[in-house]
């Protein structure tokens, strides 16, 4: 199956867009279906579009030697998705990273806690609206560029990309 065929099968079975509540079911389908057999979760990328987050599950099949990106969006007001760690055990660490750096709550996760930052860190540093504190426990967190280049201005929020049909 190519990416278009997989996308079509997902839309037929789970609807469009894929709702977060159906994520584990879609993940099991992609792992177990004879034509897909996505047995490896490479990574989970989280994208902040300003009003919503998108989680991108980067999948690979060792059986068929093909790859696919499964995407699901959640609102910024209630960023919650169910865990897929029972489908792909590697999701455990990837989901913790999405929680730690973006503040996306992973419902049903076996050990949802920060993985990269200290437990008492305030905020989620990969969010567009994150404001870095000047110091953490007496240690300055601001940096100066050693290259002599000026700091670049923040890019305004861009709308989510349009799906290509």
N, C-alpha and C. Protein backbone atom coordinates (compact mmCIF):
# COMPACT_ATOMS: atom_id res chain seq x y z
N UNK A 1 0.85 -1.20 0.00
CA UNK A 1 0.00 0.00 0.00
C UNK A 1 0.88 1.24 0.00
N UNK A 2 0.48 2.23 -0.75
CA UNK A 2 1.19 3.50 -0.70
C UNK A 2 0.49 4.43 0.29
N UNK A 3 1.06 5.60 0.52
CA UNK A 3 0.52 6.53 1.51
C UNK A 3 -0.91 6.93 1.19
N UNK A 4 -1.22 7.12 -0.10
CA UNK A 4 -2.58 7.48 -0.50
C UNK A 4 -3.58 6.39 -0.17
N UNK A 5 -3.20 5.13 -0.41
CA UNK A 5 -4.08 4.00 -0.09
C UNK A 5 -4.31 3.88 1.42
N UNK A 6 -3.25 4.08 2.18
CA UNK A 6 -3.35 4.00 3.64
C UNK A 6 -4.25 5.13 4.16
N UNK A 7 -4.05 6.33 3.64
CA UNK A 7 -4.89 7.47 4.04
C UNK A 7 -6.35 7.19 3.72
N UNK A 8 -6.62 6.66 2.55
CA UNK A 8 -8.00 6.34 2.14
C UNK A 8 -8.61 5.30 3.09
N UNK A 9 -7.85 4.25 3.40
CA UNK A 9 -8.34 3.22 4.31
C UNK A 9 -8.65 3.79 5.70
N UNK A 10 -7.79 4.68 6.19
CA UNK A 10 -8.03 5.31 7.50
C UNK A 10 -9.29 6.18 7.47
N UNK A 11 -9.46 6.97 6.41
CA UNK A 11 -10.64 7.84 6.29
C UNK A 11 -11.92 7.01 6.25
N UNK A 12 -11.90 5.90 5.50
CA UNK A 12 -13.09 5.05 5.42
C UNK A 12 -13.44 4.42 6.76
N UNK A 13 -12.43 3.98 7.46
CA UNK A 13 -12.66 3.26 8.72
C UNK A 13 -12.89 4.18 9.92
N UNK A 14 -12.18 5.31 9.96
CA UNK A 14 -12.20 6.15 11.17
C UNK A 14 -12.73 7.56 10.94
N UNK A 15 -13.04 7.91 9.70
CA UNK A 15 -13.54 9.25 9.41
C UNK A 15 -12.42 10.26 9.27
N UNK A 16 -12.82 11.47 8.84
CA UNK A 16 -11.85 12.54 8.67
C UNK A 16 -12.41 13.80 9.27
N UNK A 17 -11.68 14.51 10.10
CA UNK A 17 -10.33 14.18 10.55
C UNK A 17 -10.35 13.06 11.59
N UNK A 18 -9.21 12.44 11.81
CA UNK A 18 -9.10 11.41 12.83
C UNK A 18 -9.24 12.07 14.19
N UNK A 19 -10.25 11.66 14.94
CA UNK A 19 -10.46 12.21 16.28
C UNK A 19 -9.48 11.57 17.26
N UNK A 20 -9.03 12.36 18.20
CA UNK A 20 -8.07 11.86 19.19
C UNK A 20 -8.61 10.64 19.92
N UNK A 21 -9.90 10.60 20.17
CA UNK A 21 -10.50 9.47 20.90
C UNK A 21 -10.35 8.15 20.14
N UNK A 22 -10.15 8.21 18.82
CA UNK A 22 -10.02 7.00 18.01
C UNK A 22 -8.57 6.66 17.68
N UNK A 23 -7.64 7.43 18.25
CA UNK A 23 -6.23 7.22 17.96
C UNK A 23 -5.73 5.81 18.27
N UNK A 24 -6.00 5.25 19.47
CA UNK A 24 -5.49 3.89 19.74
C UNK A 24 -6.05 2.85 18.77
N UNK A 25 -7.31 2.99 18.40
CA UNK A 25 -7.94 2.06 17.46
C UNK A 25 -7.28 2.17 16.08
N UNK A 26 -7.01 3.39 15.63
CA UNK A 26 -6.34 3.59 14.35
C UNK A 26 -4.90 3.04 14.41
N UNK A 27 -4.25 3.23 15.54
CA UNK A 27 -2.88 2.73 15.71
C UNK A 27 -2.85 1.20 15.63
N UNK A 28 -3.80 0.55 16.30
CA UNK A 28 -3.86 -0.92 16.23
C UNK A 28 -4.12 -1.40 14.80
N UNK A 29 -5.00 -0.69 14.10
CA UNK A 29 -5.29 -1.03 12.71
C UNK A 29 -4.01 -0.95 11.87
N UNK A 30 -3.27 0.13 12.02
CA UNK A 30 -2.04 0.31 11.24
C UNK A 30 -0.97 -0.71 11.60
N UNK A 31 -0.92 -1.10 12.85
CA UNK A 31 0.07 -2.11 13.27
C UNK A 31 -0.33 -3.51 12.80
N UNK A 32 -1.63 -3.85 12.88
CA UNK A 32 -2.06 -5.23 12.70
C UNK A 32 -2.54 -5.59 11.30
N UNK A 33 -2.95 -4.61 10.49
CA UNK A 33 -3.48 -4.92 9.16
C UNK A 33 -2.38 -5.51 8.29
N UNK A 34 -2.71 -6.57 7.56
CA UNK A 34 -1.71 -7.27 6.74
C UNK A 34 -1.04 -6.38 5.70
N UNK A 35 -1.75 -5.38 5.21
CA UNK A 35 -1.20 -4.52 4.17
C UNK A 35 -0.37 -3.35 4.71
N UNK A 36 -0.41 -3.13 6.02
CA UNK A 36 0.35 -2.02 6.59
C UNK A 36 1.46 -2.51 7.52
N UNK A 37 1.11 -3.23 8.54
CA UNK A 37 2.08 -3.82 9.49
C UNK A 37 3.11 -2.81 10.00
N UNK A 38 2.63 -1.65 10.46
CA UNK A 38 3.54 -0.65 11.01
C UNK A 38 3.96 -1.10 12.41
N UNK A 39 5.08 -1.78 12.47
CA UNK A 39 5.55 -2.39 13.71
C UNK A 39 6.54 -1.51 14.47
N UNK A 40 6.85 -0.33 13.95
CA UNK A 40 7.85 0.52 14.59
C UNK A 40 7.39 1.97 14.61
N UNK A 41 7.37 2.54 15.80
CA UNK A 41 7.09 3.97 15.97
C UNK A 41 8.44 4.67 16.09
N UNK A 42 8.81 5.43 15.05
CA UNK A 42 10.10 6.13 15.03
C UNK A 42 10.13 7.29 16.02
N UNK A 43 9.06 8.06 16.02
CA UNK A 43 9.02 9.26 16.85
C UNK A 43 7.60 9.80 16.87
N UNK A 44 7.36 10.72 17.79
CA UNK A 44 6.14 11.51 17.81
C UNK A 44 6.58 12.97 17.80
N UNK A 45 6.14 13.70 16.80
CA UNK A 45 6.44 15.13 16.72
C UNK A 45 5.19 15.90 17.10
N UNK A 46 5.37 16.95 17.87
CA UNK A 46 4.24 17.82 18.24
C UNK A 46 4.45 19.18 17.60
N UNK A 47 3.38 19.71 17.00
CA UNK A 47 3.44 21.00 16.32
C UNK A 47 2.42 21.94 16.96
N UNK A 48 2.84 23.16 17.26
CA UNK A 48 1.97 24.17 17.85
C UNK A 48 1.53 25.13 16.75
N UNK A 49 0.24 25.09 16.39
CA UNK A 49 -0.29 25.99 15.37
C UNK A 49 -0.93 27.24 15.97
N UNK A 50 -0.79 27.44 17.27
CA UNK A 50 -1.35 28.63 17.90
C UNK A 50 -2.70 28.35 18.53
N UNK A 51 -3.66 27.84 17.77
CA UNK A 51 -4.98 27.54 18.31
C UNK A 51 -5.16 26.05 18.59
N UNK A 52 -4.29 25.24 18.01
CA UNK A 52 -4.37 23.80 18.22
C UNK A 52 -2.98 23.18 18.10
N UNK A 53 -2.88 21.95 18.58
CA UNK A 53 -1.65 21.18 18.45
C UNK A 53 -1.90 20.03 17.49
N UNK A 54 -0.85 19.62 16.81
CA UNK A 54 -0.92 18.43 15.98
C UNK A 54 0.16 17.47 16.45
N UNK A 55 -0.22 16.23 16.64
CA UNK A 55 0.74 15.17 16.94
C UNK A 55 0.93 14.36 15.67
N UNK A 56 2.19 14.14 15.31
CA UNK A 56 2.52 13.38 14.11
C UNK A 56 3.28 12.13 14.56
N UNK A 57 2.69 10.98 14.28
CA UNK A 57 3.28 9.70 14.65
C UNK A 57 4.03 9.17 13.42
N UNK A 58 5.35 9.09 13.50
CA UNK A 58 6.18 8.66 12.37
C UNK A 58 6.36 7.15 12.46
N UNK A 59 5.72 6.44 11.53
CA UNK A 59 5.65 4.98 11.58
C UNK A 59 6.48 4.35 10.47
N UNK A 60 6.94 3.14 10.76
CA UNK A 60 7.71 2.38 9.78
C UNK A 60 7.32 0.91 9.87
N UNK A 61 7.27 0.24 8.72
CA UNK A 61 7.02 -1.20 8.67
C UNK A 61 8.27 -1.91 8.20
N UNK A 62 8.81 -2.75 9.07
CA UNK A 62 9.95 -3.57 8.66
C UNK A 62 9.52 -4.68 7.70
N UNK A 63 8.27 -5.09 7.81
CA UNK A 63 7.75 -6.14 6.92
C UNK A 63 7.65 -5.64 5.49
N UNK A 64 7.02 -4.48 5.29
CA UNK A 64 6.78 -3.95 3.95
C UNK A 64 7.79 -2.89 3.52
N UNK A 65 8.65 -2.45 4.44
CA UNK A 65 9.65 -1.43 4.16
C UNK A 65 9.02 -0.13 3.65
N UNK A 66 7.92 0.27 4.31
CA UNK A 66 7.30 1.54 3.95
C UNK A 66 7.07 2.35 5.23
N UNK A 67 6.79 3.65 5.02
CA UNK A 67 6.60 4.55 6.17
C UNK A 67 5.32 5.36 5.98
N UNK A 68 4.83 5.90 7.09
CA UNK A 68 3.59 6.68 7.07
C UNK A 68 3.58 7.60 8.28
N UNK A 69 3.01 8.77 8.10
CA UNK A 69 2.84 9.72 9.21
C UNK A 69 1.37 9.81 9.56
N UNK A 70 1.03 9.37 10.75
CA UNK A 70 -0.34 9.45 11.26
C UNK A 70 -0.47 10.75 12.04
N UNK A 71 -1.50 11.55 11.71
CA UNK A 71 -1.65 12.86 12.33
C UNK A 71 -2.98 12.97 13.05
N UNK A 72 -2.93 13.63 14.21
CA UNK A 72 -4.15 13.92 14.96
C UNK A 72 -4.00 15.30 15.58
N UNK A 73 -5.09 16.06 15.58
CA UNK A 73 -5.06 17.42 16.14
C UNK A 73 -5.92 17.50 17.38
N UNK A 74 -5.46 18.34 18.32
CA UNK A 74 -6.22 18.59 19.55
C UNK A 74 -6.23 20.09 19.81
N UNK A 75 -7.27 20.53 20.51
CA UNK A 75 -7.38 21.97 20.77
C UNK A 75 -6.35 22.39 21.82
N UNK A 76 -5.96 23.63 21.74
CA UNK A 76 -5.02 24.18 22.71
C UNK A 76 -5.67 24.27 24.10
N UNK A 77 -6.99 24.49 24.12
CA UNK A 77 -7.72 24.62 25.39
C UNK A 77 -7.78 23.32 26.17
N UNK A 78 -7.78 22.18 25.47
CA UNK A 78 -7.86 20.88 26.12
C UNK A 78 -6.99 19.89 25.35
N UNK A 79 -5.67 20.03 25.46
CA UNK A 79 -4.76 19.18 24.67
C UNK A 79 -4.60 17.80 25.30
N UNK A 80 -5.52 16.90 24.97
CA UNK A 80 -5.51 15.55 25.54
C UNK A 80 -5.63 14.54 24.41
N UNK A 81 -4.75 13.55 24.43
CA UNK A 81 -4.85 12.41 23.51
C UNK A 81 -4.65 11.13 24.32
N UNK A 82 -5.27 10.02 23.89
CA UNK A 82 -5.02 8.75 24.58
C UNK A 82 -3.64 8.20 24.22
N UNK A 83 -3.08 7.44 25.11
CA UNK A 83 -1.77 6.83 24.87
C UNK A 83 -1.86 5.74 23.80
N UNK A 84 -0.74 5.52 23.12
CA UNK A 84 -0.61 4.39 22.19
C UNK A 84 0.53 3.48 22.64
N UNK A 85 0.93 3.58 23.90
CA UNK A 85 2.07 2.78 24.36
C UNK A 85 1.76 1.29 24.42
N UNK A 86 0.48 0.91 24.45
CA UNK A 86 0.14 -0.52 24.40
C UNK A 86 0.26 -1.06 22.97
N UNK A 87 0.21 -0.16 22.00
CA UNK A 87 0.37 -0.55 20.60
C UNK A 87 1.86 -0.57 20.25
N UNK A 88 2.54 0.52 20.57
CA UNK A 88 3.99 0.64 20.34
C UNK A 88 4.63 1.05 21.66
N UNK A 89 5.30 0.14 22.36
CA UNK A 89 5.90 0.46 23.66
C UNK A 89 6.84 1.66 23.63
N UNK A 90 7.49 1.92 22.51
CA UNK A 90 8.40 3.07 22.41
C UNK A 90 7.66 4.39 22.59
N UNK A 91 6.34 4.38 22.45
CA UNK A 91 5.55 5.60 22.63
C UNK A 91 5.71 6.15 24.04
N UNK A 92 6.05 5.31 24.98
CA UNK A 92 6.18 5.76 26.37
C UNK A 92 7.05 7.01 26.47
N UNK A 93 8.25 6.96 25.95
CA UNK A 93 9.17 8.10 26.06
C UNK A 93 8.76 9.23 25.13
N UNK A 94 8.31 8.90 23.92
CA UNK A 94 7.89 9.94 22.98
C UNK A 94 6.71 10.74 23.52
N UNK A 95 5.76 10.07 24.14
CA UNK A 95 4.61 10.75 24.71
C UNK A 95 5.01 11.61 25.90
N UNK A 96 5.94 11.13 26.69
CA UNK A 96 6.43 11.95 27.81
C UNK A 96 7.10 13.22 27.30
N UNK A 97 7.81 13.12 26.19
CA UNK A 97 8.45 14.30 25.60
C UNK A 97 7.39 15.31 25.15
N UNK A 98 6.32 14.84 24.50
CA UNK A 98 5.23 15.74 24.07
C UNK A 98 4.58 16.41 25.27
N UNK A 99 4.45 15.67 26.36
CA UNK A 99 3.90 16.23 27.59
C UNK A 99 4.84 17.28 28.18
N UNK A 100 6.10 16.93 28.29
CA UNK A 100 7.09 17.79 28.93
C UNK A 100 7.30 19.10 28.18
N UNK A 101 7.51 19.01 26.87
CA UNK A 101 7.91 20.18 26.10
C UNK A 101 6.74 20.97 25.51
N UNK A 102 5.57 20.30 25.33
CA UNK A 102 4.42 20.99 24.73
C UNK A 102 3.20 21.06 25.65
N UNK A 103 3.19 20.28 26.72
CA UNK A 103 2.05 20.32 27.63
C UNK A 103 0.84 19.55 27.14
N UNK A 104 1.05 18.57 26.27
CA UNK A 104 -0.06 17.75 25.77
C UNK A 104 -0.23 16.59 26.75
N UNK A 105 -1.42 16.49 27.33
CA UNK A 105 -1.69 15.44 28.33
C UNK A 105 -1.99 14.13 27.60
N UNK A 106 -1.32 13.06 28.01
CA UNK A 106 -1.48 11.75 27.38
C UNK A 106 -2.31 10.88 28.33
N UNK A 107 -3.57 10.74 28.01
CA UNK A 107 -4.52 10.01 28.85
C UNK A 107 -4.20 8.52 28.87
N UNK A 108 -4.13 7.95 30.08
CA UNK A 108 -3.88 6.52 30.23
C UNK A 108 -2.41 6.14 30.19
N UNK A 109 -1.52 7.12 30.11
CA UNK A 109 -0.09 6.83 30.07
C UNK A 109 0.34 6.21 31.39
N UNK A 110 1.24 5.24 31.34
CA UNK A 110 1.65 4.50 32.53
C UNK A 110 2.57 5.30 33.47
N UNK A 111 3.23 6.35 32.95
CA UNK A 111 4.20 7.08 33.77
C UNK A 111 4.37 8.51 33.24
N UNK A 112 3.28 9.26 33.21
CA UNK A 112 3.32 10.60 32.61
C UNK A 112 3.95 11.59 33.58
N UNK A 113 5.21 11.89 33.30
CA UNK A 113 5.96 12.89 34.06
C UNK A 113 7.01 13.46 33.13
N UNK A 114 7.63 14.55 33.54
CA UNK A 114 8.65 15.18 32.71
C UNK A 114 9.77 14.19 32.43
N UNK A 115 10.34 14.33 31.24
CA UNK A 115 11.42 13.43 30.84
C UNK A 115 12.72 14.19 30.56
N UNK A 116 12.61 15.49 30.23
CA UNK A 116 13.81 16.26 29.89
C UNK A 116 14.07 17.40 30.86
N UNK A 117 13.03 17.96 31.42
CA UNK A 117 13.16 19.12 32.31
C UNK A 117 12.92 18.72 33.76
N UNK A 118 13.43 19.51 34.70
CA UNK A 118 13.19 19.20 36.11
C UNK A 118 11.69 19.26 36.44
N UNK A 119 11.30 18.50 37.45
CA UNK A 119 9.89 18.43 37.84
C UNK A 119 9.29 19.79 38.17
N UNK A 120 10.09 20.71 38.70
CA UNK A 120 9.55 22.01 39.10
C UNK A 120 9.70 23.09 38.02
N UNK A 121 10.06 22.70 36.80
CA UNK A 121 10.16 23.67 35.70
C UNK A 121 8.78 24.24 35.41
N UNK A 122 8.73 25.52 35.14
CA UNK A 122 7.45 26.19 34.87
C UNK A 122 7.25 26.30 33.37
N UNK A 123 6.14 25.76 32.89
CA UNK A 123 5.77 25.89 31.49
C UNK A 123 6.30 24.79 30.60
N UNK A 124 6.04 24.97 29.31
CA UNK A 124 6.40 23.98 28.29
C UNK A 124 7.13 24.71 27.17
N UNK A 125 8.45 24.58 27.10
CA UNK A 125 9.27 25.47 26.28
C UNK A 125 9.12 25.39 24.76
N UNK A 126 8.47 24.40 24.21
CA UNK A 126 8.30 24.38 22.76
C UNK A 126 6.98 24.97 22.30
N UNK A 127 6.18 25.47 23.22
CA UNK A 127 4.94 26.16 22.83
C UNK A 127 5.28 27.54 22.30
N UNK A 128 4.49 27.98 21.35
CA UNK A 128 4.71 29.30 20.76
C UNK A 128 4.61 30.43 21.79
N UNK A 129 3.77 30.25 22.80
CA UNK A 129 3.56 31.32 23.77
C UNK A 129 4.46 31.21 25.01
N UNK A 130 5.43 30.33 24.99
CA UNK A 130 6.30 30.13 26.14
C UNK A 130 7.19 31.35 26.38
N UNK A 131 7.24 31.78 27.63
CA UNK A 131 8.12 32.89 28.03
C UNK A 131 9.14 32.31 29.00
N UNK A 132 10.40 32.39 28.62
CA UNK A 132 11.46 31.84 29.45
C UNK A 132 11.70 32.72 30.67
N UNK A 133 11.82 32.11 31.82
CA UNK A 133 12.16 32.83 33.05
C UNK A 133 13.61 33.31 32.94
N UNK A 134 13.94 34.37 33.64
CA UNK A 134 15.30 34.92 33.60
C UNK A 134 16.31 34.00 34.29
N UNK A 135 15.82 33.25 35.28
CA UNK A 135 16.73 32.33 35.97
C UNK A 135 15.97 31.15 36.51
N UNK A 136 16.71 30.09 36.80
CA UNK A 136 16.16 28.88 37.39
C UNK A 136 17.05 28.50 38.56
N UNK A 137 16.52 28.60 39.78
CA UNK A 137 17.28 28.30 41.00
C UNK A 137 18.61 29.04 41.05
N UNK A 138 18.56 30.31 40.70
CA UNK A 138 19.76 31.14 40.78
C UNK A 138 20.69 31.07 39.59
N UNK A 139 20.36 30.25 38.61
CA UNK A 139 21.19 30.11 37.41
C UNK A 139 20.52 30.87 36.27
N UNK A 140 21.26 31.77 35.62
CA UNK A 140 20.69 32.53 34.51
C UNK A 140 20.33 31.60 33.36
N UNK A 141 19.17 31.86 32.76
CA UNK A 141 18.74 31.04 31.62
C UNK A 141 18.85 31.80 30.31
N UNK A 142 19.15 33.08 30.37
CA UNK A 142 19.29 33.84 29.13
C UNK A 142 20.66 33.56 28.52
N UNK A 143 20.73 33.66 27.22
CA UNK A 143 21.96 33.36 26.51
C UNK A 143 22.36 34.54 25.64
N UNK A 144 23.64 34.64 25.40
CA UNK A 144 24.14 35.59 24.42
C UNK A 144 24.71 34.78 23.27
N UNK A 145 24.51 35.29 22.08
CA UNK A 145 25.04 34.60 20.91
C UNK A 145 26.55 34.77 20.89
N UNK A 146 27.25 33.66 20.75
CA UNK A 146 28.70 33.72 20.69
C UNK A 146 29.18 33.95 19.26
N UNK A 147 28.26 33.91 18.30
CA UNK A 147 28.65 34.08 16.90
C UNK A 147 28.72 35.55 16.51
N UNK A 148 28.23 36.42 17.39
CA UNK A 148 28.19 37.83 17.06
C UNK A 148 26.96 38.20 16.25
N UNK A 149 26.09 37.22 15.98
CA UNK A 149 24.88 37.49 15.20
C UNK A 149 23.78 37.98 16.14
N UNK A 150 22.96 38.91 15.69
CA UNK A 150 21.87 39.38 16.54
C UNK A 150 20.79 38.31 16.68
N UNK A 151 20.02 38.41 17.75
CA UNK A 151 18.91 37.48 17.94
C UNK A 151 17.85 37.73 16.88
N UNK A 152 17.32 36.65 16.34
CA UNK A 152 16.31 36.77 15.29
C UNK A 152 14.94 37.07 15.90
N UNK A 153 14.10 37.85 15.21
CA UNK A 153 12.76 38.14 15.74
C UNK A 153 11.88 36.90 15.67
N UNK A 154 10.87 36.83 16.54
CA UNK A 154 9.92 35.73 16.53
C UNK A 154 9.07 35.80 15.27
N UNK A 155 8.82 34.67 14.68
CA UNK A 155 7.95 34.59 13.51
C UNK A 155 6.52 34.51 14.00
N UNK A 156 5.59 35.30 13.45
CA UNK A 156 4.20 35.24 13.91
C UNK A 156 3.60 33.88 13.62
N UNK A 157 2.56 33.52 14.37
CA UNK A 157 1.89 32.24 14.18
C UNK A 157 1.38 32.11 12.76
N UNK A 158 1.66 30.99 12.17
CA UNK A 158 1.17 30.70 10.82
C UNK A 158 -0.05 29.79 10.94
N UNK A 159 -0.99 29.91 10.02
CA UNK A 159 -2.13 28.99 10.06
C UNK A 159 -1.67 27.58 9.71
N UNK A 160 -2.43 26.57 10.13
CA UNK A 160 -2.06 25.19 9.80
C UNK A 160 -2.03 25.01 8.28
N UNK A 161 -1.14 24.14 7.80
CA UNK A 161 -1.08 23.91 6.36
C UNK A 161 -2.37 23.27 5.85
N UNK A 162 -2.72 23.55 4.62
CA UNK A 162 -3.90 22.95 4.00
C UNK A 162 -3.55 21.54 3.53
N UNK A 163 -4.51 20.63 3.67
CA UNK A 163 -4.33 19.27 3.19
C UNK A 163 -4.32 19.27 1.67
N UNK A 164 -3.40 18.57 1.07
CA UNK A 164 -3.35 18.42 -0.37
C UNK A 164 -4.18 17.21 -0.73
N UNK A 165 -5.11 17.39 -1.61
CA UNK A 165 -6.00 16.26 -1.99
C UNK A 165 -5.61 15.70 -3.32
